[in-house]
Amino acid sequence: MMRFNFKGPPVGDADMSVQCQGQLLPFVQEIVQAAVAAGWNRDDVLLAFVELTWDLYEKRSGDP
């Protein structure tokens, strides 16, 4: 099970990036490794993450 430990809002943009990377990087690496082991192309998997997060970013404009 995934567990995240976000504690309060970050102080600045740089801090937010570091905190998010620290929390998410191990999970992303694990997903990519599993996909590559199953024969998927590493670059395609990483690009899919970029596209997914960009879609989430664009769709958030309508969120409250």
PDB file of N, CA and C in Angstrom:
ATOM      1  N   MET A   1       0.841  -1.170   0.000  1.00  0.00           N
ATOM      2  CA  MET A   1       0.000   0.000   0.000  1.00  0.00           C
ATOM      3  C   MET A   1       0.895   1.246   0.000  1.00  0.00           C
ATOM      4  N   MET A   2       0.488   2.233  -0.777  1.00  0.00           N
ATOM      5  CA  MET A   2       1.250   3.477  -0.833  1.00  0.00           C
ATOM      6  C   MET A   2       0.929   4.344   0.370  1.00  0.00           C
ATOM      7  N   ARG A   3       1.957   4.934   0.913  1.00  0.00           N
ATOM      8  CA  ARG A   3       1.775   5.859   2.036  1.00  0.00           C
ATOM      9  C   ARG A   3       2.526   7.137   1.724  1.00  0.00           C
ATOM     10  N   PHE A   4       1.852   8.233   1.921  1.00  0.00           N
ATOM     11  CA  PHE A   4       2.450   9.535   1.697  1.00  0.00           C
ATOM     12  C   PHE A   4       2.478  10.298   3.007  1.00  0.00           C
ATOM     13  N   ASN A   5       3.469  11.130   3.186  1.00  0.00           N
ATOM     14  CA  ASN A   5       3.628  11.868   4.431  1.00  0.00           C
ATOM     15  C   ASN A   5       3.732  13.366   4.173  1.00  0.00           C
ATOM     16  N   PHE A   6       2.740  13.913   3.520  1.00  0.00           N
ATOM     17  CA  PHE A   6       2.733  15.353   3.305  1.00  0.00           C
ATOM     18  C   PHE A   6       2.307  16.025   4.605  1.00  0.00           C
ATOM     19  N   LYS A   7       3.113  16.968   5.070  1.00  0.00           N
ATOM     20  CA  LYS A   7       2.845  17.637   6.346  1.00  0.00           C
ATOM     21  C   LYS A   7       2.706  19.130   6.099  1.00  0.00           C
ATOM     22  N   GLY A   8       1.501  19.614   6.030  1.00  0.00           N
ATOM     23  CA  GLY A   8       1.256  21.033   5.822  1.00  0.00           C
ATOM     24  C   GLY A   8       1.726  21.505   4.465  1.00  0.00           C
ATOM     25  N   PRO A   9       1.294  22.686   4.073  1.00  0.00           N
ATOM     26  CA  PRO A   9       1.698  23.216   2.776  1.00  0.00           C
ATOM     27  C   PRO A   9       3.177  23.608   2.774  1.00  0.00           C
ATOM     28  N   PRO A  10       3.845  23.439   1.632  1.00  0.00           N
ATOM     29  CA  PRO A  10       5.252  23.832   1.534  1.00  0.00           C
ATOM     30  C   PRO A  10       5.395  25.347   1.594  1.00  0.00           C
ATOM     31  N   VAL A  11       6.580  25.795   1.970  1.00  0.00           N
ATOM     32  CA  VAL A  11       6.844  27.221   2.139  1.00  0.00           C
ATOM     33  C   VAL A  11       6.980  27.939   0.803  1.00  0.00           C
ATOM     34  N   GLY A  12       7.675  27.352  -0.148  1.00  0.00           N
ATOM     35  CA  GLY A  12       7.886  27.984  -1.444  1.00  0.00           C
ATOM     36  C   GLY A  12       7.802  26.971  -2.565  1.00  0.00           C
ATOM     37  N   ASP A  13       7.863  27.465  -3.798  1.00  0.00           N
ATOM     38  CA  ASP A  13       7.760  26.576  -4.952  1.00  0.00           C
ATOM     39  C   ASP A  13       8.880  25.539  -4.979  1.00  0.00           C
ATOM     40  N   ALA A  14      10.102  25.963  -4.687  1.00  0.00           N
ATOM     41  CA  ALA A  14      11.228  25.023  -4.703  1.00  0.00           C
ATOM     42  C   ALA A  14      11.023  23.951  -3.648  1.00  0.00           C
ATOM     43  N   ASP A  15      10.569  24.343  -2.467  1.00  0.00           N
ATOM     44  CA  ASP A  15      10.323  23.390  -1.395  1.00  0.00           C
ATOM     45  C   ASP A  15       9.238  22.397  -1.806  1.00  0.00           C
ATOM     46  N   MET A  16       8.203  22.870  -2.479  1.00  0.00           N
ATOM     47  CA  MET A  16       7.122  22.009  -2.915  1.00  0.00           C
ATOM     48  C   MET A  16       7.647  20.965  -3.900  1.00  0.00           C
ATOM     49  N   SER A  17       8.463  21.387  -4.825  1.00  0.00           N
ATOM     50  CA  SER A  17       9.015  20.467  -5.807  1.00  0.00           C
ATOM     51  C   SER A  17       9.853  19.390  -5.135  1.00  0.00           C
ATOM     52  N   VAL A  18      10.704  19.785  -4.201  1.00  0.00           N
ATOM     53  CA  VAL A  18      11.554  18.832  -3.485  1.00  0.00           C
ATOM     54  C   VAL A  18      10.697  17.855  -2.685  1.00  0.00           C
ATOM     55  N   GLN A  19       9.677  18.353  -2.002  1.00  0.00           N
ATOM     56  CA  GLN A  19       8.811  17.481  -1.201  1.00  0.00           C
ATOM     57  C   GLN A  19       8.046  16.495  -2.080  1.00  0.00           C
ATOM     58  N   CYS A  20       7.501  16.980  -3.183  1.00  0.00           N
ATOM     59  CA  CYS A  20       6.757  16.093  -4.084  1.00  0.00           C
ATOM     60  C   CYS A  20       7.667  15.032  -4.681  1.00  0.00           C
ATOM     61  N   GLN A  21       8.843  15.444  -5.112  1.00  0.00           N
ATOM     62  CA  GLN A  21       9.777  14.472  -5.675  1.00  0.00           C
ATOM     63  C   GLN A  21      10.160  13.420  -4.649  1.00  0.00           C
ATOM     64  N   GLY A  22      10.425  13.847  -3.444  1.00  0.00           N
ATOM     65  CA  GLY A  22      10.790  12.899  -2.394  1.00  0.00           C
ATOM     66  C   GLY A  22       9.699  11.888  -2.104  1.00  0.00           C
ATOM     67  N   GLN A  23       8.456  12.330  -2.173  1.00  0.00           N
ATOM     68  CA  GLN A  23       7.319  11.445  -1.909  1.00  0.00           C
ATOM     69  C   GLN A  23       7.011  10.539  -3.100  1.00  0.00           C
ATOM     70  N   LEU A  24       7.082  11.089  -4.305  1.00  0.00           N
ATOM     71  CA  LEU A  24       6.585  10.373  -5.476  1.00  0.00           C
ATOM     72  C   LEU A  24       7.640   9.575  -6.243  1.00  0.00           C
ATOM     73  N   LEU A  25       8.887  10.006  -6.192  1.00  0.00           N
ATOM     74  CA  LEU A  25       9.927   9.363  -6.985  1.00  0.00           C
ATOM     75  C   LEU A  25      10.038   7.855  -6.767  1.00  0.00           C
ATOM     76  N   PRO A  26      10.029   7.371  -5.534  1.00  0.00           N
ATOM     77  CA  PRO A  26      10.135   5.911  -5.359  1.00  0.00           C
ATOM     78  C   PRO A  26       8.998   5.143  -6.038  1.00  0.00           C
ATOM     79  N   PHE A  27       7.791   5.688  -6.019  1.00  0.00           N
ATOM     80  CA  PHE A  27       6.649   5.018  -6.637  1.00  0.00           C
ATOM     81  C   PHE A  27       6.751   5.051  -8.158  1.00  0.00           C
ATOM     82  N   VAL A  28       7.144   6.185  -8.696  1.00  0.00           N
ATOM     83  CA  VAL A  28       7.299   6.305 -10.142  1.00  0.00           C
ATOM     84  C   VAL A  28       8.398   5.356 -10.614  1.00  0.00           C
ATOM     85  N   GLN A  29       9.512   5.317  -9.899  1.00  0.00           N
ATOM     86  CA  GLN A  29      10.603   4.416 -10.276  1.00  0.00           C
ATOM     87  C   GLN A  29      10.137   2.960 -10.254  1.00  0.00           C
ATOM     88  N   GLU A  30       9.366   2.595  -9.251  1.00  0.00           N
ATOM     89  CA  GLU A  30       8.877   1.219  -9.153  1.00  0.00           C
ATOM     90  C   GLU A  30       7.948   0.875 -10.311  1.00  0.00           C
ATOM     91  N   ILE A  31       7.074   1.795 -10.664  1.00  0.00           N
ATOM     92  CA  ILE A  31       6.161   1.570 -11.787  1.00  0.00           C
ATOM     93  C   ILE A  31       6.943   1.433 -13.090  1.00  0.00           C
ATOM     94  N   VAL A  32       7.900   2.320 -13.297  1.00  0.00           N
ATOM     95  CA  VAL A  32       8.704   2.279 -14.525  1.00  0.00           C
ATOM     96  C   VAL A  32       9.495   0.976 -14.589  1.00  0.00           C
ATOM     97  N   GLN A  33      10.108   0.577 -13.497  1.00  0.00           N
ATOM     98  CA  GLN A  33      10.883  -0.670 -13.479  1.00  0.00           C
ATOM     99  C   GLN A  33      10.000  -1.879 -13.801  1.00  0.00           C
ATOM    100  N   ALA A  34       8.802  -1.906 -13.249  1.00  0.00           N
ATOM    101  CA  ALA A  34       7.888  -3.020 -13.512  1.00  0.00           C
ATOM    102  C   ALA A  34       7.461  -3.031 -14.980  1.00  0.00           C
ATOM    103  N   ALA A  35       7.206  -1.863 -15.533  1.00  0.00           N
ATOM    104  CA  ALA A  35       6.810  -1.783 -16.941  1.00  0.00           C
ATOM    105  C   ALA A  35       7.945  -2.229 -17.854  1.00  0.00           C
ATOM    106  N   VAL A  36       9.152  -1.781 -17.566  1.00  0.00           N
ATOM    107  CA  VAL A  36      10.318  -2.165 -18.369  1.00  0.00           C
ATOM    108  C   VAL A  36      10.560  -3.672 -18.266  1.00  0.00           C
ATOM    109  N   ALA A  37      10.408  -4.224 -17.078  1.00  0.00           N
ATOM    110  CA  ALA A  37      10.576  -5.665 -16.892  1.00  0.00           C
ATOM    111  C   ALA A  37       9.547  -6.454 -17.702  1.00  0.00           C
ATOM    112  N   ALA A  38       8.385  -5.860 -17.934  1.00  0.00           N
ATOM    113  CA  ALA A  38       7.330  -6.510 -18.717  1.00  0.00           C
ATOM    114  C   ALA A  38       7.503  -6.265 -20.216  1.00  0.00           C
ATOM    115  N   GLY A  39       8.589  -5.544 -20.581  1.00  0.00           N
ATOM    116  CA  GLY A  39       8.876  -5.341 -21.994  1.00  0.00           C
ATOM    117  C   GLY A  39       8.475  -3.989 -22.555  1.00  0.00           C
ATOM    118  N   TRP A  40       7.979  -3.107 -21.707  1.00  0.00           N
ATOM    119  CA  TRP A  40       7.591  -1.780 -22.171  1.00  0.00           C
ATOM    120  C   TRP A  40       8.840  -0.929 -22.380  1.00  0.00           C
ATOM    121  N   ASN A  41       8.707   0.083 -23.224  1.00  0.00           N
ATOM    122  CA  ASN A  41       9.801   1.008 -23.484  1.00  0.00           C
ATOM    123  C   ASN A  41       9.856   2.046 -22.368  1.00  0.00           C
ATOM    124  N   ARG A  42      11.030   2.194 -21.759  1.00  0.00           N
ATOM    125  CA  ARG A  42      11.195   3.118 -20.629  1.00  0.00           C
ATOM    126  C   ARG A  42      10.789   4.550 -20.986  1.00  0.00           C
ATOM    127  N   ASP A  43      11.241   5.032 -22.129  1.00  0.00           N
ATOM    128  CA  ASP A  43      10.923   6.404 -22.536  1.00  0.00           C
ATOM    129  C   ASP A  43       9.421   6.598 -22.726  1.00  0.00           C
ATOM    130  N   ASP A  44       8.755   5.591 -23.295  1.00  0.00           N
ATOM    131  CA  ASP A  44       7.306   5.684 -23.491  1.00  0.00           C
ATOM    132  C   ASP A  44       6.570   5.754 -22.155  1.00  0.00           C
ATOM    133  N   VAL A  45       7.026   4.977 -21.188  1.00  0.00           N
ATOM    134  CA  VAL A  45       6.390   4.979 -19.868  1.00  0.00           C
ATOM    135  C   VAL A  45       6.588   6.336 -19.192  1.00  0.00           C
ATOM    136  N   LEU A  46       7.806   6.858 -19.252  1.00  0.00           N
ATOM    137  CA  LEU A  46       8.069   8.171 -18.651  1.00  0.00           C
ATOM    138  C   LEU A  46       7.260   9.262 -19.347  1.00  0.00           C
ATOM    139  N   LEU A  47       7.164   9.186 -20.669  1.00  0.00           N
ATOM    140  CA  LEU A  47       6.367  10.167 -21.397  1.00  0.00           C
ATOM    141  C   LEU A  47       4.888  10.066 -21.018  1.00  0.00           C
ATOM    142  N   ALA A  48       4.415   8.858 -20.773  1.00  0.00           N
ATOM    143  CA  ALA A  48       3.024   8.684 -20.344  1.00  0.00           C
ATOM    144  C   ALA A  48       2.783   9.381 -19.006  1.00  0.00           C
ATOM    145  N   PHE A  49       3.760   9.343 -18.106  1.00  0.00           N
ATOM    146  CA  PHE A  49       3.645  10.069 -16.835  1.00  0.00           C
ATOM    147  C   PHE A  49       3.552  11.574 -17.085  1.00  0.00           C
ATOM    148  N   VAL A  50       4.374  12.070 -17.974  1.00  0.00           N
ATOM    149  CA  VAL A  50       4.343  13.503 -18.295  1.00  0.00           C
ATOM    150  C   VAL A  50       2.974  13.884 -18.838  1.00  0.00           C
ATOM    151  N   GLU A  51       2.472  13.100 -19.780  1.00  0.00           N
ATOM    152  CA  GLU A  51       1.171  13.396 -20.378  1.00  0.00           C
ATOM    153  C   GLU A  51       0.045  13.312 -19.349  1.00  0.00           C
ATOM    154  N   LEU A  52       0.110  12.310 -18.494  1.00  0.00           N
ATOM    155  CA  LEU A  52      -0.910  12.153 -17.460  1.00  0.00           C
ATOM    156  C   LEU A  52      -0.924  13.346 -16.510  1.00  0.00           C
ATOM    157  N   THR A  53       0.250  13.730 -16.035  1.00  0.00           N
ATOM    158  CA  THR A  53       0.295  14.843 -15.090  1.00  0.00           C
ATOM    159  C   THR A  53      -0.095  16.156 -15.762  1.00  0.00           C
ATOM    160  N   TRP A  54       0.253  16.319 -17.024  1.00  0.00           N
ATOM    161  CA  TRP A  54      -0.154  17.539 -17.728  1.00  0.00           C
ATOM    162  C   TRP A  54      -1.676  17.580 -17.871  1.00  0.00           C
ATOM    163  N   ASP A  55      -2.280  16.441 -18.204  1.00  0.00           N
ATOM    164  CA  ASP A  55      -3.741  16.384 -18.292  1.00  0.00           C
ATOM    165  C   ASP A  55      -4.382  16.733 -16.951  1.00  0.00           C
ATOM    166  N   LEU A  56      -3.845  16.207 -15.874  1.00  0.00           N
ATOM    167  CA  LEU A  56      -4.371  16.536 -14.546  1.00  0.00           C
ATOM    168  C   LEU A  56      -4.219  18.022 -14.254  1.00  0.00           C
ATOM    169  N   TYR A  57      -3.091  18.584 -14.649  1.00  0.00           N
ATOM    170  CA  TYR A  57      -2.840  20.011 -14.444  1.00  0.00           C
ATOM    171  C   TYR A  57      -3.857  20.848 -15.216  1.00  0.00           C
ATOM    172  N   GLU A  58      -4.092  20.513 -16.466  1.00  0.00           N
ATOM    173  CA  GLU A  58      -5.033  21.278 -17.277  1.00  0.00           C
ATOM    174  C   GLU A  58      -6.461  21.159 -16.775  1.00  0.00           C
ATOM    175  N   LYS A  59      -6.846  20.002 -16.296  1.00  0.00           N
ATOM    176  CA  LYS A  59      -8.226  19.782 -15.848  1.00  0.00           C
ATOM    177  C   LYS A  59      -8.491  20.389 -14.478  1.00  0.00           C
ATOM    178  N   ARG A  60      -7.490  20.755 -13.735  1.00  0.00           N
ATOM    179  CA  ARG A  60      -7.688  21.292 -12.390  1.00  0.00           C
ATOM    180  C   ARG A  60      -8.262  22.694 -12.402  1.00  0.00           C
ATOM    181  N   SER A  61      -8.267  23.360 -13.553  1.00  0.00           N
ATOM    182  CA  SER A  61      -8.763  24.746 -13.596  1.00  0.00           C
ATOM    183  C   SER A  61     -10.238  24.844 -13.211  1.00  0.00           C
ATOM    184  N   GLY A  62     -10.993  23.770 -13.414  1.00  0.00           N
ATOM    185  CA  GLY A  62     -12.401  23.794 -13.045  1.00  0.00           C
ATOM    186  C   GLY A  62     -12.667  23.337 -11.624  1.00  0.00           C
ATOM    187  N   ASP A  63     -11.636  22.916 -10.922  1.00  0.00           N
ATOM    188  CA  ASP A  63     -11.810  22.450  -9.544  1.00  0.00           C
ATOM    189  C   ASP A  63     -12.079  23.624  -8.622  1.00  0.00           C
ATOM    190  N   PRO A  64     -12.840  23.364  -7.551  1.00  0.00           N
ATOM    191  CA  PRO A  64     -13.109  24.453  -6.581  1.00  0.00           C
ATOM    192  C   PRO A  64     -11.877  24.837  -5.798  1.00  0.00           C
TER     193      PRO A  64
END
